[in-house]
Amino acid sequence: MYFELSDLFWLTLLCLACLHWWHGQKAKEVALRAAVKECKEMDLQLLDHSIYLRGFWFKRDHNGKLRIWRSYLFDFTATGDDRAKGRVAMLGFKVTGVTLETHRI
């Protein structure tokens, strides 16, 4: 069985796409845990128990290594009547910050 160079190229591209998706899922799980923890500490309710990717970019960490910076958004409520947005920022697999919109207590 022989492979052509184009077959190897497409196989490599497919493997890289799967690896990117897998790392994205892992990062999303870390961001969701951070959102749950922040909501629990602030006595808020995380709505839908989900987050979604707002954007990503390439940035360098404090060591100068190139990492993927991701921003995730989530909805929460303090009173049960209103919705507010929160944001989890990540660099690689490390949470760099969680911010919450102004909300009623």
PDB file of N, CA and C in Angstrom:
ATOM      1  N   MET A   1       0.849  -1.169   0.000  1.00  0.00           N
ATOM      2  CA  MET A   1       0.000   0.000   0.000  1.00  0.00           C
ATOM      3  C   MET A   1       0.895   1.232   0.000  1.00  0.00           C
ATOM      4  N   TYR A   2       0.651   2.115  -0.939  1.00  0.00           N
ATOM      5  CA  TYR A   2       1.457   3.317  -1.068  1.00  0.00           C
ATOM      6  C   TYR A   2       0.584   4.553  -0.835  1.00  0.00           C
ATOM      7  N   PHE A   3       1.185   5.537  -0.195  1.00  0.00           N
ATOM      8  CA  PHE A   3       0.508   6.809   0.023  1.00  0.00           C
ATOM      9  C   PHE A   3       1.160   7.864  -0.844  1.00  0.00           C
ATOM     10  N   GLU A   4       0.347   8.709  -1.396  1.00  0.00           N
ATOM     11  CA  GLU A   4       0.876   9.854  -2.119  1.00  0.00           C
ATOM     12  C   GLU A   4       1.112  10.980  -1.131  1.00  0.00           C
ATOM     13  N   LEU A   5       1.890  11.943  -1.518  1.00  0.00           N
ATOM     14  CA  LEU A   5       2.201  13.073  -0.650  1.00  0.00           C
ATOM     15  C   LEU A   5       0.944  13.862  -0.303  1.00  0.00           C
ATOM     16  N   SER A   6       0.036  13.981  -1.239  1.00  0.00           N
ATOM     17  CA  SER A   6      -1.210  14.710  -0.958  1.00  0.00           C
ATOM     18  C   SER A   6      -2.052  13.976   0.084  1.00  0.00           C
ATOM     19  N   ASP A   7      -2.031  12.644   0.077  1.00  0.00           N
ATOM     20  CA  ASP A   7      -2.759  11.872   1.088  1.00  0.00           C
ATOM     21  C   ASP A   7      -2.189  12.133   2.481  1.00  0.00           C
ATOM     22  N   LEU A   8      -0.876  12.166   2.575  1.00  0.00           N
ATOM     23  CA  LEU A   8      -0.233  12.445   3.865  1.00  0.00           C
ATOM     24  C   LEU A   8      -0.516  13.868   4.334  1.00  0.00           C
ATOM     25  N   PHE A   9      -0.553  14.787   3.402  1.00  0.00           N
ATOM     26  CA  PHE A   9      -0.882  16.175   3.747  1.00  0.00           C
ATOM     27  C   PHE A   9      -2.277  16.263   4.344  1.00  0.00           C
ATOM     28  N   TRP A  10      -3.268  15.663   3.692  1.00  0.00           N
ATOM     29  CA  TRP A  10      -4.653  15.721   4.182  1.00  0.00           C
ATOM     30  C   TRP A  10      -4.815  14.970   5.495  1.00  0.00           C
ATOM     31  N   LEU A  11      -4.115  13.869   5.656  1.00  0.00           N
ATOM     32  CA  LEU A  11      -4.172  13.128   6.913  1.00  0.00           C
ATOM     33  C   LEU A  11      -3.575  13.951   8.053  1.00  0.00           C
ATOM     34  N   THR A  12      -2.464  14.607   7.791  1.00  0.00           N
ATOM     35  CA  THR A  12      -1.842  15.464   8.799  1.00  0.00           C
ATOM     36  C   THR A  12      -2.753  16.628   9.149  1.00  0.00           C
ATOM     37  N   LEU A  13      -3.369  17.225   8.141  1.00  0.00           N
ATOM     38  CA  LEU A  13      -4.287  18.335   8.370  1.00  0.00           C
ATOM     39  C   LEU A  13      -5.490  17.896   9.207  1.00  0.00           C
ATOM     40  N   LEU A  14      -6.016  16.733   8.922  1.00  0.00           N
ATOM     41  CA  LEU A  14      -7.137  16.194   9.697  1.00  0.00           C
ATOM     42  C   LEU A  14      -6.729  15.943  11.148  1.00  0.00           C
ATOM     43  N   CYS A  15      -5.545  15.374  11.349  1.00  0.00           N
ATOM     44  CA  CYS A  15      -5.055  15.117  12.705  1.00  0.00           C
ATOM     45  C   CYS A  15      -4.858  16.414  13.485  1.00  0.00           C
ATOM     46  N   LEU A  16      -4.337  17.445  12.831  1.00  0.00           N
ATOM     47  CA  LEU A  16      -4.152  18.740  13.486  1.00  0.00           C
ATOM     48  C   LEU A  16      -5.486  19.385  13.837  1.00  0.00           C
ATOM     49  N   ALA A  17      -6.471  19.246  12.968  1.00  0.00           N
ATOM     50  CA  ALA A  17      -7.801  19.782  13.260  1.00  0.00           C
ATOM     51  C   ALA A  17      -8.429  19.063  14.459  1.00  0.00           C
ATOM     52  N   CYS A  18      -8.273  17.760  14.529  1.00  0.00           N
ATOM     53  CA  CYS A  18      -8.792  16.998  15.670  1.00  0.00           C
ATOM     54  C   CYS A  18      -8.082  17.383  16.960  1.00  0.00           C
ATOM     55  N   LEU A  19      -6.790  17.579  16.884  1.00  0.00           N
ATOM     56  CA  LEU A  19      -6.011  17.986  18.059  1.00  0.00           C
ATOM     57  C   LEU A  19      -6.441  19.364  18.536  1.00  0.00           C
ATOM     58  N   HIS A  20      -6.658  20.286  17.598  1.00  0.00           N
ATOM     59  CA  HIS A  20      -7.131  21.630  17.961  1.00  0.00           C
ATOM     60  C   HIS A  20      -8.504  21.558  18.634  1.00  0.00           C
ATOM     61  N   TRP A  21      -9.402  20.759  18.094  1.00  0.00           N
ATOM     62  CA  TRP A  21     -10.735  20.614  18.688  1.00  0.00           C
ATOM     63  C   TRP A  21     -10.643  20.019  20.088  1.00  0.00           C
ATOM     64  N   TRP A  22      -9.790  19.014  20.264  1.00  0.00           N
ATOM     65  CA  TRP A  22      -9.648  18.354  21.563  1.00  0.00           C
ATOM     66  C   TRP A  22      -9.101  19.332  22.602  1.00  0.00           C
ATOM     67  N   HIS A  23      -8.096  20.123  22.233  1.00  0.00           N
ATOM     68  CA  HIS A  23      -7.553  21.115  23.156  1.00  0.00           C
ATOM     69  C   HIS A  23      -8.590  22.197  23.459  1.00  0.00           C
ATOM     70  N   GLY A  24      -9.405  22.548  22.481  1.00  0.00           N
ATOM     71  CA  GLY A  24     -10.465  23.520  22.704  1.00  0.00           C
ATOM     72  C   GLY A  24     -11.505  23.031  23.695  1.00  0.00           C
ATOM     73  N   GLN A  25     -11.837  21.754  23.613  1.00  0.00           N
ATOM     74  CA  GLN A  25     -12.791  21.174  24.573  1.00  0.00           C
ATOM     75  C   GLN A  25     -12.207  21.171  25.988  1.00  0.00           C
ATOM     76  N   LYS A  26     -10.942  20.852  26.094  1.00  0.00           N
ATOM     77  CA  LYS A  26     -10.278  20.861  27.406  1.00  0.00           C
ATOM     78  C   LYS A  26     -10.262  22.268  27.991  1.00  0.00           C
ATOM     79  N   ALA A  27      -9.952  23.267  27.166  1.00  0.00           N
ATOM     80  CA  ALA A  27      -9.941  24.654  27.625  1.00  0.00           C
ATOM     81  C   ALA A  27     -11.345  25.100  28.035  1.00  0.00           C
ATOM     82  N   LYS A  28     -12.355  24.658  27.307  1.00  0.00           N
ATOM     83  CA  LYS A  28     -13.733  25.013  27.645  1.00  0.00           C
ATOM     84  C   LYS A  28     -14.137  24.436  28.996  1.00  0.00           C
ATOM     85  N   GLU A  29     -13.708  23.221  29.289  1.00  0.00           N
ATOM     86  CA  GLU A  29     -14.004  22.615  30.588  1.00  0.00           C
ATOM     87  C   GLU A  29     -13.353  23.393  31.722  1.00  0.00           C
ATOM     88  N   VAL A  30     -12.115  23.830  31.519  1.00  0.00           N
ATOM     89  CA  VAL A  30     -11.418  24.622  32.537  1.00  0.00           C
ATOM     90  C   VAL A  30     -12.138  25.951  32.743  1.00  0.00           C
ATOM     91  N   ALA A  31     -12.566  26.593  31.662  1.00  0.00           N
ATOM     92  CA  ALA A  31     -13.280  27.863  31.759  1.00  0.00           C
ATOM     93  C   ALA A  31     -14.630  27.683  32.450  1.00  0.00           C
ATOM     94  N   LEU A  32     -15.319  26.596  32.164  1.00  0.00           N
ATOM     95  CA  LEU A  32     -16.606  26.338  32.821  1.00  0.00           C
ATOM     96  C   LEU A  32     -16.424  26.152  34.320  1.00  0.00           C
ATOM     97  N   ARG A  33     -15.385  25.424  34.713  1.00  0.00           N
ATOM     98  CA  ARG A  33     -15.109  25.259  36.156  1.00  0.00           C
ATOM     99  C   ARG A  33     -14.823  26.602  36.816  1.00  0.00           C
ATOM    100  N   ALA A  34     -14.105  27.480  36.126  1.00  0.00           N
ATOM    101  CA  ALA A  34     -13.803  28.802  36.674  1.00  0.00           C
ATOM    102  C   ALA A  34     -15.082  29.627  36.817  1.00  0.00           C
ATOM    103  N   ALA A  35     -15.983  29.544  35.846  1.00  0.00           N
ATOM    104  CA  ALA A  35     -17.254  30.268  35.911  1.00  0.00           C
ATOM    105  C   ALA A  35     -18.119  29.740  37.049  1.00  0.00           C
ATOM    106  N   VAL A  36     -18.181  28.434  37.204  1.00  0.00           N
ATOM    107  CA  VAL A  36     -18.958  27.834  38.294  1.00  0.00           C
ATOM    108  C   VAL A  36     -18.392  28.265  39.640  1.00  0.00           C
ATOM    109  N   LYS A  37     -17.091  28.246  39.773  1.00  0.00           N
ATOM    110  CA  LYS A  37     -16.439  28.637  41.026  1.00  0.00           C
ATOM    111  C   LYS A  37     -16.700  30.097  41.354  1.00  0.00           C
ATOM    112  N   GLU A  38     -16.581  30.971  40.359  1.00  0.00           N
ATOM    113  CA  GLU A  38     -16.832  32.406  40.577  1.00  0.00           C
ATOM    114  C   GLU A  38     -18.279  32.647  40.977  1.00  0.00           C
ATOM    115  N   CYS A  39     -19.212  31.996  40.304  1.00  0.00           N
ATOM    116  CA  CYS A  39     -20.625  32.162  40.645  1.00  0.00           C
ATOM    117  C   CYS A  39     -20.920  31.649  42.051  1.00  0.00           C
ATOM    118  N   LYS A  40     -20.313  30.557  42.418  1.00  0.00           N
ATOM    119  CA  LYS A  40     -20.528  30.010  43.753  1.00  0.00           C
ATOM    120  C   LYS A  40     -19.966  30.943  44.820  1.00  0.00           C
ATOM    121  N   GLU A  41     -18.782  31.508  44.582  1.00  0.00           N
ATOM    122  CA  GLU A  41     -18.169  32.423  45.542  1.00  0.00           C
ATOM    123  C   GLU A  41     -18.967  33.716  45.693  1.00  0.00           C
ATOM    124  N   MET A  42     -19.568  34.191  44.603  1.00  0.00           N
ATOM    125  CA  MET A  42     -20.329  35.446  44.626  1.00  0.00           C
ATOM    126  C   MET A  42     -21.810  35.216  44.938  1.00  0.00           C
ATOM    127  N   ASP A  43     -22.202  33.983  45.212  1.00  0.00           N
ATOM    128  CA  ASP A  43     -23.581  33.601  45.504  1.00  0.00           C
ATOM    129  C   ASP A  43     -24.507  33.974  44.337  1.00  0.00           C
ATOM    130  N   LEU A  44     -24.090  33.576  43.143  1.00  0.00           N
ATOM    131  CA  LEU A  44     -24.851  33.800  41.924  1.00  0.00           C
ATOM    132  C   LEU A  44     -25.245  32.458  41.315  1.00  0.00           C
ATOM    133  N   GLN A  45     -26.199  32.490  40.412  1.00  0.00           N
ATOM    134  CA  GLN A  45     -26.623  31.271  39.734  1.00  0.00           C
ATOM    135  C   GLN A  45     -26.158  31.319  38.287  1.00  0.00           C
ATOM    136  N   LEU A  46     -25.377  30.325  37.891  1.00  0.00           N
ATOM    137  CA  LEU A  46     -24.935  30.202  36.504  1.00  0.00           C
ATOM    138  C   LEU A  46     -26.096  29.659  35.695  1.00  0.00           C
ATOM    139  N   LEU A  47     -26.532  30.427  34.717  1.00  0.00           N
ATOM    140  CA  LEU A  47     -27.682  30.026  33.911  1.00  0.00           C
ATOM    141  C   LEU A  47     -27.265  29.065  32.813  1.00  0.00           C
ATOM    142  N   ASP A  48     -28.066  28.090  32.564  1.00  0.00           N
ATOM    143  CA  ASP A  48     -27.874  27.084  31.521  1.00  0.00           C
ATOM    144  C   ASP A  48     -26.641  26.213  31.753  1.00  0.00           C
ATOM    145  N   HIS A  49     -25.898  26.472  32.787  1.00  0.00           N
ATOM    146  CA  HIS A  49     -24.657  25.732  33.112  1.00  0.00           C
ATOM    147  C   HIS A  49     -23.796  25.528  31.860  1.00  0.00           C
ATOM    148  N   SER A  50     -23.632  26.633  31.110  1.00  0.00           N
ATOM    149  CA  SER A  50     -22.851  26.538  29.883  1.00  0.00           C
ATOM    150  C   SER A  50     -22.109  27.844  29.627  1.00  0.00           C
ATOM    151  N   ILE A  51     -21.089  27.752  28.819  1.00  0.00           N
ATOM    152  CA  ILE A  51     -20.325  28.915  28.378  1.00  0.00           C
ATOM    153  C   ILE A  51     -20.145  28.786  26.875  1.00  0.00           C
ATOM    154  N   TYR A  52     -19.790  29.881  26.228  1.00  0.00           N
ATOM    155  CA  TYR A  52     -19.554  29.812  24.791  1.00  0.00           C
ATOM    156  C   TYR A  52     -18.352  30.679  24.437  1.00  0.00           C
ATOM    157  N   LEU A  53     -17.674  30.242  23.412  1.00  0.00           N
ATOM    158  CA  LEU A  53     -16.462  30.914  22.957  1.00  0.00           C
ATOM    159  C   LEU A  53     -16.830  32.223  22.275  1.00  0.00           C
ATOM    160  N   ARG A  54     -16.246  33.309  22.751  1.00  0.00           N
ATOM    161  CA  ARG A  54     -16.486  34.623  22.149  1.00  0.00           C
ATOM    162  C   ARG A  54     -15.421  34.947  21.105  1.00  0.00           C
ATOM    163  N   GLY A  55     -14.183  34.519  21.374  1.00  0.00           N
ATOM    164  CA  GLY A  55     -13.112  34.797  20.429  1.00  0.00           C
ATOM    165  C   GLY A  55     -11.808  34.181  20.890  1.00  0.00           C
ATOM    166  N   PHE A  56     -10.874  34.103  19.972  1.00  0.00           N
ATOM    167  CA  PHE A  56      -9.551  33.617  20.336  1.00  0.00           C
ATOM    168  C   PHE A  56      -8.502  34.330  19.503  1.00  0.00           C
ATOM    169  N   TRP A  57      -7.304  34.362  20.027  1.00  0.00           N
ATOM    170  CA  TRP A  57      -6.209  35.058  19.390  1.00  0.00           C
ATOM    171  C   TRP A  57      -4.910  34.447  19.883  1.00  0.00           C
ATOM    172  N   PHE A  58      -3.822  34.776  19.239  1.00  0.00           N
ATOM    173  CA  PHE A  58      -2.517  34.318  19.693  1.00  0.00           C
ATOM    174  C   PHE A  58      -1.857  35.416  20.513  1.00  0.00           C
ATOM    175  N   LYS A  59      -1.372  35.042  21.700  1.00  0.00           N
ATOM    176  CA  LYS A  59      -0.654  35.971  22.573  1.00  0.00           C
ATOM    177  C   LYS A  59       0.523  35.240  23.192  1.00  0.00           C
ATOM    178  N   ARG A  60       1.460  36.006  23.702  1.00  0.00           N
ATOM    179  CA  ARG A  60       2.613  35.434  24.388  1.00  0.00           C
ATOM    180  C   ARG A  60       2.371  35.472  25.886  1.00  0.00           C
ATOM    181  N   ASP A  61       2.811  34.404  26.574  1.00  0.00           N
ATOM    182  CA  ASP A  61       2.698  34.378  28.020  1.00  0.00           C
ATOM    183  C   ASP A  61       3.898  35.108  28.628  1.00  0.00           C
ATOM    184  N   HIS A  62       4.024  35.055  29.960  1.00  0.00           N
ATOM    185  CA  HIS A  62       5.109  35.786  30.631  1.00  0.00           C
ATOM    186  C   HIS A  62       6.491  35.216  30.313  1.00  0.00           C
ATOM    187  N   ASN A  63       6.548  33.991  29.805  1.00  0.00           N
ATOM    188  CA  ASN A  63       7.823  33.397  29.398  1.00  0.00           C
ATOM    189  C   ASN A  63       8.147  33.658  27.925  1.00  0.00           C
ATOM    190  N   GLY A  64       7.237  34.283  27.216  1.00  0.00           N
ATOM    191  CA  GLY A  64       7.457  34.580  25.808  1.00  0.00           C
ATOM    192  C   GLY A  64       6.983  33.490  24.861  1.00  0.00           C
ATOM    193  N   LYS A  65       6.369  32.422  25.397  1.00  0.00           N
ATOM    194  CA  LYS A  65       5.841  31.354  24.532  1.00  0.00           C
ATOM    195  C   LYS A  65       4.508  31.785  23.926  1.00  0.00           C
ATOM    196  N   LEU A  66       4.321  31.437  22.683  1.00  0.00           N
ATOM    197  CA  LEU A  66       3.090  31.759  21.979  1.00  0.00           C
ATOM    198  C   LEU A  66       1.991  30.796  22.421  1.00  0.00           C
ATOM    199  N   ARG A  67       0.894  31.352  22.902  1.00  0.00           N
ATOM    200  CA  ARG A  67      -0.249  30.569  23.383  1.00  0.00           C
ATOM    201  C   ARG A  67      -1.522  31.068  22.707  1.00  0.00           C
ATOM    202  N   ILE A  68      -2.572  30.276  22.824  1.00  0.00           N
ATOM    203  CA  ILE A  68      -3.884  30.702  22.330  1.00  0.00           C
ATOM    204  C   ILE A  68      -4.624  31.371  23.481  1.00  0.00           C
ATOM    205  N   TRP A  69      -5.018  32.619  23.256  1.00  0.00           N
ATOM    206  CA  TRP A  69      -5.830  33.347  24.217  1.00  0.00           C
ATOM    207  C   TRP A  69      -7.283  33.155  23.812  1.00  0.00           C
ATOM    208  N   ARG A  70      -8.123  32.774  24.775  1.00  0.00           N
ATOM    209  CA  ARG A  70      -9.537  32.536  24.492  1.00  0.00           C
ATOM    210  C   ARG A  70     -10.386  33.369  25.447  1.00  0.00           C
ATOM    211  N   SER A  71     -11.532  33.804  24.951  1.00  0.00           N
ATOM    212  CA  SER A  71     -12.489  34.535  25.762  1.00  0.00           C
ATOM    213  C   SER A  71     -13.827  33.799  25.688  1.00  0.00           C
ATOM    214  N   TYR A  72     -14.334  33.403  26.841  1.00  0.00           N
ATOM    215  CA  TYR A  72     -15.611  32.708  26.931  1.00  0.00           C
ATOM    216  C   TYR A  72     -16.619  33.591  27.654  1.00  0.00           C
ATOM    217  N   LEU A  73     -17.864  33.554  27.224  1.00  0.00           N
ATOM    218  CA  LEU A  73     -18.946  34.289  27.870  1.00  0.00           C
ATOM    219  C   LEU A  73     -19.932  33.309  28.499  1.00  0.00           C
ATOM    220  N   PHE A  74     -20.569  33.760  29.576  1.00  0.00           N
ATOM    221  CA  PHE A  74     -21.598  32.955  30.233  1.00  0.00           C
ATOM    222  C   PHE A  74     -22.646  33.896  30.805  1.00  0.00           C
ATOM    223  N   ASP A  75     -23.823  33.369  31.073  1.00  0.00           N
ATOM    224  CA  ASP A  75     -24.921  34.133  31.652  1.00  0.00           C
ATOM    225  C   ASP A  75     -25.123  33.709  33.097  1.00  0.00           C
ATOM    226  N   PHE A  76     -25.429  34.694  33.934  1.00  0.00           N
ATOM    227  CA  PHE A  76     -25.697  34.401  35.341  1.00  0.00           C
ATOM    228  C   PHE A  76     -26.807  35.320  35.827  1.00  0.00           C
ATOM    229  N   THR A  77     -27.344  35.007  36.983  1.00  0.00           N
ATOM    230  CA  THR A  77     -28.363  35.837  37.609  1.00  0.00           C
ATOM    231  C   THR A  77     -28.102  35.905  39.105  1.00  0.00           C
ATOM    232  N   ALA A  78     -28.461  37.034  39.680  1.00  0.00           N
ATOM    233  CA  ALA A  78     -28.325  37.204  41.121  1.00  0.00           C
ATOM    234  C   ALA A  78     -29.676  37.065  41.814  1.00  0.00           C
ATOM    235  N   THR A  79     -30.729  37.510  41.148  1.00  0.00           N
ATOM    236  CA  THR A  79     -32.048  37.517  41.767  1.00  0.00           C
ATOM    237  C   THR A  79     -32.999  36.505  41.155  1.00  0.00           C
ATOM    238  N   GLY A  80     -32.682  35.989  39.990  1.00  0.00           N
ATOM    239  CA  GLY A  80     -33.575  35.070  39.307  1.00  0.00           C
ATOM    240  C   GLY A  80     -34.467  35.767  38.304  1.00  0.00           C
ATOM    241  N   ASP A  81     -34.502  37.106  38.325  1.00  0.00           N
ATOM    242  CA  ASP A  81     -35.356  37.868  37.419  1.00  0.00           C
ATOM    243  C   ASP A  81     -34.615  38.406  36.208  1.00  0.00           C
ATOM    244  N   ASP A  82     -33.334  38.581  36.327  1.00  0.00           N
ATOM    245  CA  ASP A  82     -32.581  39.220  35.248  1.00  0.00           C
ATOM    246  C   ASP A  82     -31.403  38.351  34.834  1.00  0.00           C
ATOM    247  N   ARG A  83     -30.871  38.670  33.664  1.00  0.00           N
ATOM    248  CA  ARG A  83     -29.683  37.975  33.152  1.00  0.00           C
ATOM    249  C   ARG A  83     -28.557  38.985  33.034  1.00  0.00           C
ATOM    250  N   ALA A  84     -27.372  38.533  33.377  1.00  0.00           N
ATOM    251  CA  ALA A  84     -26.178  39.351  33.183  1.00  0.00           C
ATOM    252  C   ALA A  84     -25.102  38.456  32.581  1.00  0.00           C
ATOM    253  N   LYS A  85     -24.119  39.080  31.999  1.00  0.00           N
ATOM    254  CA  LYS A  85     -23.052  38.319  31.342  1.00  0.00           C
ATOM    255  C   LYS A  85     -21.779  38.354  32.170  1.00  0.00           C
ATOM    256  N   GLY A  86     -21.053  37.267  32.077  1.00  0.00           N
ATOM    257  CA  GLY A  86     -19.733  37.166  32.668  1.00  0.00           C
ATOM    258  C   GLY A  86     -18.745  36.717  31.609  1.00  0.00           C
ATOM    259  N   ARG A  87     -17.472  36.926  31.880  1.00  0.00           N
ATOM    260  CA  ARG A  87     -16.442  36.585  30.903  1.00  0.00           C
ATOM    261  C   ARG A  87     -15.288  35.890  31.599  1.00  0.00           C
ATOM    262  N   VAL A  88     -14.807  34.814  30.984  1.00  0.00           N
ATOM    263  CA  VAL A  88     -13.622  34.105  31.444  1.00  0.00           C
ATOM    264  C   VAL A  88     -12.562  34.253  30.357  1.00  0.00           C
ATOM    265  N   ALA A  89     -11.409  34.788  30.739  1.00  0.00           N
ATOM    266  CA  ALA A  89     -10.297  34.931  29.804  1.00  0.00           C
ATOM    267  C   ALA A  89      -9.246  33.884  30.152  1.00  0.00           C
ATOM    268  N   MET A  90      -8.714  33.233  29.116  1.00  0.00           N
ATOM    269  CA  MET A  90      -7.730  32.173  29.321  1.00  0.00           C
ATOM    270  C   MET A  90      -6.552  32.371  28.393  1.00  0.00           C
ATOM    271  N   LEU A  91      -5.386  32.007  28.872  1.00  0.00           N
ATOM    272  CA  LEU A  91      -4.187  31.983  28.053  1.00  0.00           C
ATOM    273  C   LEU A  91      -3.639  30.573  28.128  1.00  0.00           C
ATOM    274  N   GLY A  92      -3.777  29.836  27.046  1.00  0.00           N
ATOM    275  CA  GLY A  92      -3.457  28.411  27.081  1.00  0.00           C
ATOM    276  C   GLY A  92      -4.552  27.705  27.862  1.00  0.00           C
ATOM    277  N   PHE A  93      -4.145  26.982  28.902  1.00  0.00           N
ATOM    278  CA  PHE A  93      -5.126  26.313  29.771  1.00  0.00           C
ATOM    279  C   PHE A  93      -5.208  26.985  31.136  1.00  0.00           C
ATOM    280  N   LYS A  94      -4.672  28.192  31.250  1.00  0.00           N
ATOM    281  CA  LYS A  94      -4.664  28.911  32.520  1.00  0.00           C
ATOM    282  C   LYS A  94      -5.663  30.059  32.468  1.00  0.00           C
ATOM    283  N   VAL A  95      -6.505  30.144  33.489  1.00  0.00           N
ATOM    284  CA  VAL A  95      -7.486  31.226  33.582  1.00  0.00           C
ATOM    285  C   VAL A  95      -6.751  32.492  34.007  1.00  0.00           C
ATOM    286  N   THR A  96      -6.885  33.549  33.214  1.00  0.00           N
ATOM    287  CA  THR A  96      -6.222  34.806  33.540  1.00  0.00           C
ATOM    288  C   THR A  96      -7.168  35.804  34.198  1.00  0.00           C
ATOM    289  N   GLY A  97      -8.463  35.577  34.086  1.00  0.00           N
ATOM    290  CA  GLY A  97      -9.401  36.477  34.752  1.00  0.00           C
ATOM    291  C   GLY A  97     -10.831  36.104  34.512  1.00  0.00           C
ATOM    292  N   VAL A  98     -11.665  36.444  35.506  1.00  0.00           N
ATOM    293  CA  VAL A  98     -13.116  36.268  35.399  1.00  0.00           C
ATOM    294  C   VAL A  98     -13.727  37.616  35.739  1.00  0.00           C
ATOM    295  N   THR A  99     -14.514  38.155  34.835  1.00  0.00           N
ATOM    296  CA  THR A  99     -15.173  39.444  35.089  1.00  0.00           C
ATOM    297  C   THR A  99     -16.677  39.264  34.955  1.00  0.00           C
ATOM    298  N   LEU A 100     -17.404  40.047  35.743  1.00  0.00           N
ATOM    299  CA  LEU A 100     -18.857  39.991  35.765  1.00  0.00           C
ATOM    300  C   LEU A 100     -19.419  41.368  35.459  1.00  0.00           C
ATOM    301  N   GLU A 101     -20.529  41.391  34.728  1.00  0.00           N
ATOM    302  CA  GLU A 101     -21.233  42.658  34.500  1.00  0.00           C
ATOM    303  C   GLU A 101     -21.826  43.150  35.811  1.00  0.00           C
ATOM    304  N   THR A 102     -22.145  44.417  35.828  1.00  0.00           N
ATOM    305  CA  THR A 102     -22.844  44.979  36.986  1.00  0.00           C
ATOM    306  C   THR A 102     -24.217  44.320  37.091  1.00  0.00           C
ATOM    307  N   HIS A 103     -24.582  43.918  38.301  1.00  0.00           N
ATOM    308  CA  HIS A 103     -25.841  43.205  38.487  1.00  0.00           C
ATOM    309  C   HIS A 103     -26.476  43.601  39.819  1.00  0.00           C
ATOM    310  N   ARG A 104     -27.778  43.334  39.923  1.00  0.00           N
ATOM    311  CA  ARG A 104     -28.485  43.605  41.179  1.00  0.00           C
ATOM    312  C   ARG A 104     -28.209  42.510  42.182  1.00  0.00           C
ATOM    313  N   ILE A 105     -28.191  42.890  43.422  1.00  0.00           N
ATOM    314  CA  ILE A 105     -27.971  41.900  44.493  1.00  0.00           C
ATOM    315  C   ILE A 105     -29.262  41.720  45.256  1.00  0.00           C
TER     316      ILE A 105
END
